[in-house]
């Protein structure tokens, strides 16, 4: 076994896949360009680190479980409701994640709430943060299943550790008292410590319609509002705008 084969074997045992793949190529470059030993090793490990970082981004995005990929760059910012336009420059730095602050976007459907939430989530994944996306009804299903299987504490710990949790579609489906308590308990795990984004079609004054418990509703609103961005996203739906444009084109 020659020296190169031995190095490849060591790289395999150490799980340095990119080192194995690039060893011959970089060895040829080193000889041709007369690199020193340190430059050769630097280039070899630099490629390994770059490859791992890219794979980590893909893994984080996959684990976030986004329903679809949306990017902040795709937003037509001038068509967002005014408060949405004002929000983006401040939160796209992702400082709100470092500070453990939450964002609550409320307003009628189709105004860009979910797009902004996913866009921030994708950017967070690319910058090394762990993210979890869920609709509120799906989150309650996960909690109920964990409770039945006696794995609730494990779910709570996992939910608490994410750098960013996105809870979409609060208000589309009503809860019973148990569901409201479950949601309150889970969101309380993150309040003041970890960042959470909530999108809802209802203003706070109407949350009691879905939570069915005035005291619990007040407590949840109080916790979510503390040091949070509260963003009114009421406006004309993108889908309605697009439909009007199509109708106008067909009439030309």
C-alpha atoms as a PDB file:
ATOM      1  CA  UNK A   1       0.000   0.000   0.000  1.00  0.00           C
ATOM      2  CA  UNK A   2       1.514   3.357  -1.055  1.00  0.00           C
ATOM      3  CA  UNK A   3       1.475   6.603   0.923  1.00  0.00           C
ATOM      4  CA  UNK A   4      -1.606   7.968  -0.855  1.00  0.00           C
ATOM      5  CA  UNK A   5      -3.611   4.806  -0.161  1.00  0.00           C
ATOM      6  CA  UNK A   6      -2.626   4.933   3.517  1.00  0.00           C
ATOM      7  CA  UNK A   7      -3.740   8.582   3.791  1.00  0.00           C
ATOM      8  CA  UNK A   8      -7.046   7.687   2.106  1.00  0.00           C
ATOM      9  CA  UNK A   9      -7.557   4.856   4.581  1.00  0.00           C
ATOM     10  CA  UNK A  10      -6.945   7.209   7.516  1.00  0.00           C
ATOM     11  CA  UNK A  11      -9.311   9.776   5.981  1.00  0.00           C
ATOM     12  CA  UNK A  12     -11.965   7.078   5.639  1.00  0.00           C
ATOM     13  CA  UNK A  13     -11.628   6.077   9.311  1.00  0.00           C
ATOM     14  CA  UNK A  14     -11.855   9.745  10.320  1.00  0.00           C
ATOM     15  CA  UNK A  15     -14.880  10.234   8.035  1.00  0.00           C
ATOM     16  CA  UNK A  16     -13.112  12.894   5.950  1.00  0.00           C
ATOM     17  CA  UNK A  17     -14.876  12.104   2.681  1.00  0.00           C
ATOM     18  CA  UNK A  18     -13.870  15.303   0.867  1.00  0.00           C
ATOM     19  CA  UNK A  19     -10.211  14.812   1.817  1.00  0.00           C
ATOM     20  CA  UNK A  20     -10.328  11.347   0.213  1.00  0.00           C
ATOM     21  CA  UNK A  21     -12.014  12.670  -2.902  1.00  0.00           C
ATOM     22  CA  UNK A  22      -9.595  15.565  -3.399  1.00  0.00           C
ATOM     23  CA  UNK A  23      -6.296  14.057  -2.249  1.00  0.00           C
ATOM     24  CA  UNK A  24      -4.966  13.106  -5.689  1.00  0.00           C
ATOM     25  CA  UNK A  25      -6.116  16.334  -7.319  1.00  0.00           C
ATOM     26  CA  UNK A  26      -4.602  18.554  -4.645  1.00  0.00           C
ATOM     27  CA  UNK A  27      -1.390  16.492  -4.583  1.00  0.00           C
ATOM     28  CA  UNK A  28      -1.000  17.169  -8.320  1.00  0.00           C
ATOM     29  CA  UNK A  29      -1.704  20.872  -7.774  1.00  0.00           C
ATOM     30  CA  UNK A  30       0.818  20.981  -4.945  1.00  0.00           C
ATOM     31  CA  UNK A  31       3.548  19.478  -7.121  1.00  0.00           C
ATOM     32  CA  UNK A  32       2.744  21.694 -10.110  1.00  0.00           C
ATOM     33  CA  UNK A  33       2.486  24.934  -8.117  1.00  0.00           C
ATOM     34  CA  UNK A  34       5.161  23.976  -5.581  1.00  0.00           C
ATOM     35  CA  UNK A  35       3.010  24.359  -2.483  1.00  0.00           C
ATOM     36  CA  UNK A  36       4.617  23.810   0.874  1.00  0.00           C
ATOM     37  CA  UNK A  37       3.267  21.172   3.287  1.00  0.00           C
ATOM     38  CA  UNK A  38       1.220  23.719   5.225  1.00  0.00           C
ATOM     39  CA  UNK A  39      -0.426  25.138   2.101  1.00  0.00           C
ATOM     40  CA  UNK A  40      -1.257  21.616   0.900  1.00  0.00           C
ATOM     41  CA  UNK A  41      -2.856  20.702   4.228  1.00  0.00           C
ATOM     42  CA  UNK A  42      -4.697  24.015   4.419  1.00  0.00           C
ATOM     43  CA  UNK A  43      -6.253  23.599   0.962  1.00  0.00           C
ATOM     44  CA  UNK A  44      -7.193  19.992   1.691  1.00  0.00           C
ATOM     45  CA  UNK A  45      -8.919  20.754   4.993  1.00  0.00           C
ATOM     46  CA  UNK A  46     -10.421  23.988   3.664  1.00  0.00           C
ATOM     47  CA  UNK A  47     -12.266  21.968   1.033  1.00  0.00           C
ATOM     48  CA  UNK A  48     -13.450  19.489   3.689  1.00  0.00           C
ATOM     49  CA  UNK A  49     -14.804  22.284   5.908  1.00  0.00           C
ATOM     50  CA  UNK A  50     -16.528  24.031   2.980  1.00  0.00           C
ATOM     51  CA  UNK A  51     -18.179  20.783   1.917  1.00  0.00           C
ATOM     52  CA  UNK A  52     -19.389  20.043   5.450  1.00  0.00           C
ATOM     53  CA  UNK A  53     -20.793  23.539   5.861  1.00  0.00           C
ATOM     54  CA  UNK A  54     -22.772  23.206   2.637  1.00  0.00           C
ATOM     55  CA  UNK A  55     -24.096  19.795   3.651  1.00  0.00           C
ATOM     56  CA  UNK A  56     -25.075  21.196   7.059  1.00  0.00           C
ATOM     57  CA  UNK A  57     -27.137  23.915   5.372  1.00  0.00           C
ATOM     58  CA  UNK A  58     -29.012  21.300   3.346  1.00  0.00           C
ATOM     59  CA  UNK A  59     -29.606  19.168   6.453  1.00  0.00           C
ATOM     60  CA  UNK A  60     -30.886  22.140   8.487  1.00  0.00           C
ATOM     61  CA  UNK A  61     -33.302  23.139   5.717  1.00  0.00           C
ATOM     62  CA  UNK A  62     -34.514  19.547   5.372  1.00  0.00           C
ATOM     63  CA  UNK A  63     -35.049  19.187   9.126  1.00  0.00           C
ATOM     64  CA  UNK A  64     -36.900  22.519   9.332  1.00  0.00           C
ATOM     65  CA  UNK A  65     -39.713  20.867   7.346  1.00  0.00           C
ATOM     66  CA  UNK A  66     -40.745  23.925   5.328  1.00  0.00           C
ATOM     67  CA  UNK A  67     -43.873  23.245   3.233  1.00  0.00           C
ATOM     68  CA  UNK A  68     -42.126  24.928   0.312  1.00  0.00           C
ATOM     69  CA  UNK A  69     -38.995  26.977  -0.274  1.00  0.00           C
ATOM     70  CA  UNK A  70     -39.513  30.728  -0.220  1.00  0.00           C
ATOM     71  CA  UNK A  71     -36.826  33.387  -0.144  1.00  0.00           C
ATOM     72  CA  UNK A  72     -36.867  36.978   1.086  1.00  0.00           C
ATOM     73  CA  UNK A  73     -35.344  38.039  -2.235  1.00  0.00           C
ATOM     74  CA  UNK A  74     -38.485  36.853  -4.051  1.00  0.00           C
ATOM     75  CA  UNK A  75     -40.776  39.203  -2.128  1.00  0.00           C
ATOM     76  CA  UNK A  76     -42.256  42.178  -3.964  1.00  0.00           C
ATOM     77  CA  UNK A  77     -41.682  44.431  -1.004  1.00  0.00           C
ATOM     78  CA  UNK A  78     -43.533  47.390  -2.419  1.00  0.00           C
ATOM     79  CA  UNK A  79     -46.707  45.281  -2.501  1.00  0.00           C
ATOM     80  CA  UNK A  80     -46.496  44.226   1.152  1.00  0.00           C
ATOM     81  CA  UNK A  81     -48.644  46.001   3.750  1.00  0.00           C
ATOM     82  CA  UNK A  82     -46.790  49.037   5.133  1.00  0.00           C
ATOM     83  CA  UNK A  83     -45.883  47.425   8.477  1.00  0.00           C
ATOM     84  CA  UNK A  84     -44.492  44.407   6.631  1.00  0.00           C
ATOM     85  CA  UNK A  85     -42.294  46.691   4.530  1.00  0.00           C
ATOM     86  CA  UNK A  86     -41.041  48.386   7.684  1.00  0.00           C
ATOM     87  CA  UNK A  87     -40.414  45.073   9.474  1.00  0.00           C
ATOM     88  CA  UNK A  88     -38.109  43.425   6.945  1.00  0.00           C
ATOM     89  CA  UNK A  89     -35.006  45.660   7.146  1.00  0.00           C
ATOM     90  CA  UNK A  90     -34.936  45.174  10.912  1.00  0.00           C
ATOM     91  CA  UNK A  91     -35.530  41.423  11.144  1.00  0.00           C
ATOM     92  CA  UNK A  92     -33.680  40.134   8.070  1.00  0.00           C
ATOM     93  CA  UNK A  93     -30.441  40.755   9.990  1.00  0.00           C
ATOM     94  CA  UNK A  94     -31.666  37.843  12.189  1.00  0.00           C
ATOM     95  CA  UNK A  95     -30.689  39.758  15.316  1.00  0.00           C
ATOM     96  CA  UNK A  96     -34.147  38.927  16.684  1.00  0.00           C
ATOM     97  CA  UNK A  97     -33.028  35.282  16.887  1.00  0.00           C
ATOM     98  CA  UNK A  98     -29.916  36.183  18.890  1.00  0.00           C
ATOM     99  CA  UNK A  99     -32.092  38.302  21.190  1.00  0.00           C
ATOM    100  CA  UNK A 100     -34.778  35.621  21.604  1.00  0.00           C
ATOM    101  CA  UNK A 101     -37.499  37.983  20.371  1.00  0.00           C
ATOM    102  CA  UNK A 102     -40.706  36.860  18.688  1.00  0.00           C
ATOM    103  CA  UNK A 103     -42.651  38.112  15.679  1.00  0.00           C
ATOM    104  CA  UNK A 104     -46.431  37.989  15.468  1.00  0.00           C
ATOM    105  CA  UNK A 105     -47.845  38.812  12.028  1.00  0.00           C
ATOM    106  CA  UNK A 106     -51.612  39.158  11.827  1.00  0.00           C
ATOM    107  CA  UNK A 107     -53.969  40.027   9.000  1.00  0.00           C
ATOM    108  CA  UNK A 108     -56.078  38.600   6.208  1.00  0.00           C
ATOM    109  CA  UNK A 109     -54.789  35.712   4.038  1.00  0.00           C
ATOM    110  CA  UNK A 110     -52.518  36.258   1.058  1.00  0.00           C
ATOM    111  CA  UNK A 111     -50.607  39.322   2.253  1.00  0.00           C
ATOM    112  CA  UNK A 112     -47.166  37.736   2.617  1.00  0.00           C
ATOM    113  CA  UNK A 113     -47.094  36.550   6.241  1.00  0.00           C
ATOM    114  CA  UNK A 114     -46.094  32.944   5.523  1.00  0.00           C
ATOM    115  CA  UNK A 115     -43.673  34.001   2.772  1.00  0.00           C
ATOM    116  CA  UNK A 116     -41.867  36.330   5.184  1.00  0.00           C
ATOM    117  CA  UNK A 117     -41.830  33.648   7.903  1.00  0.00           C
ATOM    118  CA  UNK A 118     -40.407  30.946   5.610  1.00  0.00           C
ATOM    119  CA  UNK A 119     -37.963  33.398   4.033  1.00  0.00           C
ATOM    120  CA  UNK A 120     -36.584  34.298   7.460  1.00  0.00           C
ATOM    121  CA  UNK A 121     -36.486  30.607   8.374  1.00  0.00           C
ATOM    122  CA  UNK A 122     -34.545  29.637   5.253  1.00  0.00           C
ATOM    123  CA  UNK A 123     -32.066  32.475   5.786  1.00  0.00           C
ATOM    124  CA  UNK A 124     -31.632  31.372   9.402  1.00  0.00           C
ATOM    125  CA  UNK A 125     -30.857  27.798   8.272  1.00  0.00           C
ATOM    126  CA  UNK A 126     -28.256  29.091   5.816  1.00  0.00           C
ATOM    127  CA  UNK A 127     -26.612  31.100   8.584  1.00  0.00           C
ATOM    128  CA  UNK A 128     -26.306  28.175  10.973  1.00  0.00           C
ATOM    129  CA  UNK A 129     -29.464  28.381  13.099  1.00  0.00           C
ATOM    130  CA  UNK A 130     -31.758  25.442  13.804  1.00  0.00           C
ATOM    131  CA  UNK A 131     -35.340  26.031  12.648  1.00  0.00           C
ATOM    132  CA  UNK A 132     -38.647  24.201  12.925  1.00  0.00           C
ATOM    133  CA  UNK A 133     -41.710  25.057  10.821  1.00  0.00           C
ATOM    134  CA  UNK A 134     -45.182  23.825  11.710  1.00  0.00           C
ATOM    135  CA  UNK A 135     -48.778  24.852  11.333  1.00  0.00           C
ATOM    136  CA  UNK A 136     -50.527  25.318  14.682  1.00  0.00           C
ATOM    137  CA  UNK A 137     -52.999  22.441  14.007  1.00  0.00           C
ATOM    138  CA  UNK A 138     -50.082  20.129  13.141  1.00  0.00           C
ATOM    139  CA  UNK A 139     -48.217  21.169  16.289  1.00  0.00           C
ATOM    140  CA  UNK A 140     -51.218  20.219  18.421  1.00  0.00           C
ATOM    141  CA  UNK A 141     -51.359  16.837  16.667  1.00  0.00           C
ATOM    142  CA  UNK A 142     -47.667  16.273  17.487  1.00  0.00           C
ATOM    143  CA  UNK A 143     -48.263  17.204  21.127  1.00  0.00           C
ATOM    144  CA  UNK A 144     -51.285  14.904  21.457  1.00  0.00           C
ATOM    145  CA  UNK A 145     -49.385  11.999  19.872  1.00  0.00           C
ATOM    146  CA  UNK A 146     -46.411  12.576  22.181  1.00  0.00           C
ATOM    147  CA  UNK A 147     -48.727  12.663  25.181  1.00  0.00           C
ATOM    148  CA  UNK A 148     -50.314   9.346  24.155  1.00  0.00           C
ATOM    149  CA  UNK A 149     -46.910   7.743  23.549  1.00  0.00           C
ATOM    150  CA  UNK A 150     -45.502   9.203  26.798  1.00  0.00           C
ATOM    151  CA  UNK A 151     -42.787  11.117  24.939  1.00  0.00           C
ATOM    152  CA  UNK A 152     -44.113  14.599  25.726  1.00  0.00           C
ATOM    153  CA  UNK A 153     -41.068  15.683  27.730  1.00  0.00           C
ATOM    154  CA  UNK A 154     -38.783  14.710  24.863  1.00  0.00           C
ATOM    155  CA  UNK A 155     -40.884  16.791  22.450  1.00  0.00           C
ATOM    156  CA  UNK A 156     -40.846  19.756  24.849  1.00  0.00           C
ATOM    157  CA  UNK A 157     -37.053  19.668  25.159  1.00  0.00           C
ATOM    158  CA  UNK A 158     -36.661  19.480  21.382  1.00  0.00           C
ATOM    159  CA  UNK A 159     -39.187  22.288  20.837  1.00  0.00           C
ATOM    160  CA  UNK A 160     -37.438  24.459  23.413  1.00  0.00           C
ATOM    161  CA  UNK A 161     -33.972  24.073  21.871  1.00  0.00           C
ATOM    162  CA  UNK A 162     -34.689  25.269  18.333  1.00  0.00           C
ATOM    163  CA  UNK A 163     -33.174  28.671  17.620  1.00  0.00           C
ATOM    164  CA  UNK A 164     -36.331  29.603  15.694  1.00  0.00           C
ATOM    165  CA  UNK A 165     -39.797  28.053  15.640  1.00  0.00           C
ATOM    166  CA  UNK A 166     -42.377  29.158  13.060  1.00  0.00           C
ATOM    167  CA  UNK A 167     -46.022  28.495  13.965  1.00  0.00           C
ATOM    168  CA  UNK A 168     -48.190  29.159  10.929  1.00  0.00           C
ATOM    169  CA  UNK A 169     -51.973  29.549  10.606  1.00  0.00           C
ATOM    170  CA  UNK A 170     -53.079  30.292  14.151  1.00  0.00           C
ATOM    171  CA  UNK A 171     -56.808  30.984  14.024  1.00  0.00           C
ATOM    172  CA  UNK A 172     -57.890  28.845  11.076  1.00  0.00           C
ATOM    173  CA  UNK A 173     -58.952  25.978  13.335  1.00  0.00           C
ATOM    174  CA  UNK A 174     -60.511  26.333  16.797  1.00  0.00           C
ATOM    175  CA  UNK A 175     -59.210  24.425  19.847  1.00  0.00           C
ATOM    176  CA  UNK A 176     -60.821  22.690  22.731  1.00  0.00           C
ATOM    177  CA  UNK A 177     -59.639  23.643  26.241  1.00  0.00           C
ATOM    178  CA  UNK A 178     -56.981  20.922  26.269  1.00  0.00           C
ATOM    179  CA  UNK A 179     -55.611  22.077  22.909  1.00  0.00           C
ATOM    180  CA  UNK A 180     -55.435  25.681  24.092  1.00  0.00           C
ATOM    181  CA  UNK A 181     -53.549  24.608  27.220  1.00  0.00           C
ATOM    182  CA  UNK A 182     -51.128  22.513  25.165  1.00  0.00           C
ATOM    183  CA  UNK A 183     -50.379  25.422  22.828  1.00  0.00           C
ATOM    184  CA  UNK A 184     -49.926  27.809  25.752  1.00  0.00           C
ATOM    185  CA  UNK A 185     -47.550  25.421  27.553  1.00  0.00           C
ATOM    186  CA  UNK A 186     -45.396  24.852  24.487  1.00  0.00           C
ATOM    187  CA  UNK A 187     -45.117  28.487  23.464  1.00  0.00           C
ATOM    188  CA  UNK A 188     -44.374  29.409  27.087  1.00  0.00           C
ATOM    189  CA  UNK A 189     -41.274  27.198  26.938  1.00  0.00           C
ATOM    190  CA  UNK A 190     -39.739  29.641  24.468  1.00  0.00           C
ATOM    191  CA  UNK A 191     -41.028  32.998  25.716  1.00  0.00           C
ATOM    192  CA  UNK A 192     -38.206  35.419  26.446  1.00  0.00           C
ATOM    193  CA  UNK A 193     -35.550  32.823  25.609  1.00  0.00           C
ATOM    194  CA  UNK A 194     -35.936  31.681  22.007  1.00  0.00           C
ATOM    195  CA  UNK A 195     -37.342  33.320  18.899  1.00  0.00           C
ATOM    196  CA  UNK A 196     -40.780  32.336  17.626  1.00  0.00           C
ATOM    197  CA  UNK A 197     -42.697  33.550  14.570  1.00  0.00           C
ATOM    198  CA  UNK A 198     -46.483  33.265  14.603  1.00  0.00           C
ATOM    199  CA  UNK A 199     -48.732  34.035  11.655  1.00  0.00           C
ATOM    200  CA  UNK A 200     -52.448  34.441  12.187  1.00  0.00           C
ATOM    201  CA  UNK A 201     -55.501  35.714  10.335  1.00  0.00           C
ATOM    202  CA  UNK A 202     -56.947  37.130  13.559  1.00  0.00           C
ATOM    203  CA  UNK A 203     -56.061  40.252  15.590  1.00  0.00           C
ATOM    204  CA  UNK A 204     -55.416  39.635  19.287  1.00  0.00           C
ATOM    205  CA  UNK A 205     -58.895  40.874  20.139  1.00  0.00           C
ATOM    206  CA  UNK A 206     -60.354  37.814  18.373  1.00  0.00           C
ATOM    207  CA  UNK A 207     -58.001  35.082  19.629  1.00  0.00           C
ATOM    208  CA  UNK A 208     -60.531  34.139  22.265  1.00  0.00           C
ATOM    209  CA  UNK A 209     -62.755  32.885  19.415  1.00  0.00           C
ATOM    210  CA  UNK A 210     -60.354  30.001  18.746  1.00  0.00           C
ATOM    211  CA  UNK A 211     -58.771  29.512  22.194  1.00  0.00           C
ATOM    212  CA  UNK A 212     -62.177  29.346  23.936  1.00  0.00           C
ATOM    213  CA  UNK A 213     -60.658  30.412  27.268  1.00  0.00           C
ATOM    214  CA  UNK A 214     -60.514  34.097  28.183  1.00  0.00           C
ATOM    215  CA  UNK A 215     -57.929  33.745  30.969  1.00  0.00           C
ATOM    216  CA  UNK A 216     -55.636  31.489  28.919  1.00  0.00           C
ATOM    217  CA  UNK A 217     -56.014  33.753  25.898  1.00  0.00           C
ATOM    218  CA  UNK A 218     -55.005  36.829  27.920  1.00  0.00           C
ATOM    219  CA  UNK A 219     -52.002  35.013  29.372  1.00  0.00           C
ATOM    220  CA  UNK A 220     -50.847  33.803  25.946  1.00  0.00           C
ATOM    221  CA  UNK A 221     -51.221  37.237  24.354  1.00  0.00           C
ATOM    222  CA  UNK A 222     -49.352  38.811  27.273  1.00  0.00           C
ATOM    223  CA  UNK A 223     -46.418  36.435  26.887  1.00  0.00           C
ATOM    224  CA  UNK A 224     -46.253  36.661  23.112  1.00  0.00           C
ATOM    225  CA  UNK A 225     -46.430  40.456  23.084  1.00  0.00           C
ATOM    226  CA  UNK A 226     -43.542  40.894  25.521  1.00  0.00           C
ATOM    227  CA  UNK A 227     -40.560  42.325  23.597  1.00  0.00           C
ATOM    228  CA  UNK A 228     -42.070  41.093  20.323  1.00  0.00           C
ATOM    229  CA  UNK A 229     -42.614  42.586  16.885  1.00  0.00           C
ATOM    230  CA  UNK A 230     -46.377  42.926  16.384  1.00  0.00           C
ATOM    231  CA  UNK A 231     -47.013  43.412  12.690  1.00  0.00           C
ATOM    232  CA  UNK A 232     -50.341  44.297  11.088  1.00  0.00           C
ATOM    233  CA  UNK A 233     -50.330  42.568   7.694  1.00  0.00           C
ATOM    234  CA  UNK A 234     -53.873  43.499   6.700  1.00  0.00           C
ATOM    235  CA  UNK A 235     -54.024  44.364   3.016  1.00  0.00           C
ATOM    236  CA  UNK A 236     -55.023  43.180  -0.430  1.00  0.00           C
ATOM    237  CA  UNK A 237     -54.226  39.541  -1.117  1.00  0.00           C
ATOM    238  CA  UNK A 238     -51.422  38.802  -3.579  1.00  0.00           C
ATOM    239  CA  UNK A 239     -53.639  36.167  -5.152  1.00  0.00           C
ATOM    240  CA  UNK A 240     -56.442  38.677  -5.690  1.00  0.00           C
ATOM    241  CA  UNK A 241     -53.955  41.122  -7.214  1.00  0.00           C
ATOM    242  CA  UNK A 242     -52.633  38.435  -9.574  1.00  0.00           C
ATOM    243  CA  UNK A 243     -56.166  37.431 -10.567  1.00  0.00           C
ATOM    244  CA  UNK A 244     -57.041  41.046 -11.367  1.00  0.00           C
ATOM    245  CA  UNK A 245     -53.918  41.380 -13.500  1.00  0.00           C
ATOM    246  CA  UNK A 246     -54.811  38.230 -15.450  1.00  0.00           C
ATOM    247  CA  UNK A 247     -58.367  39.498 -16.014  1.00  0.00           C
ATOM    248  CA  UNK A 248     -57.056  42.877 -17.188  1.00  0.00           C
ATOM    249  CA  UNK A 249     -54.654  41.178 -19.633  1.00  0.00           C
ATOM    250  CA  UNK A 250     -57.384  38.955 -21.044  1.00  0.00           C
ATOM    251  CA  UNK A 251     -59.584  42.005 -21.642  1.00  0.00           C
ATOM    252  CA  UNK A 252     -56.924  43.854 -23.611  1.00  0.00           C
END
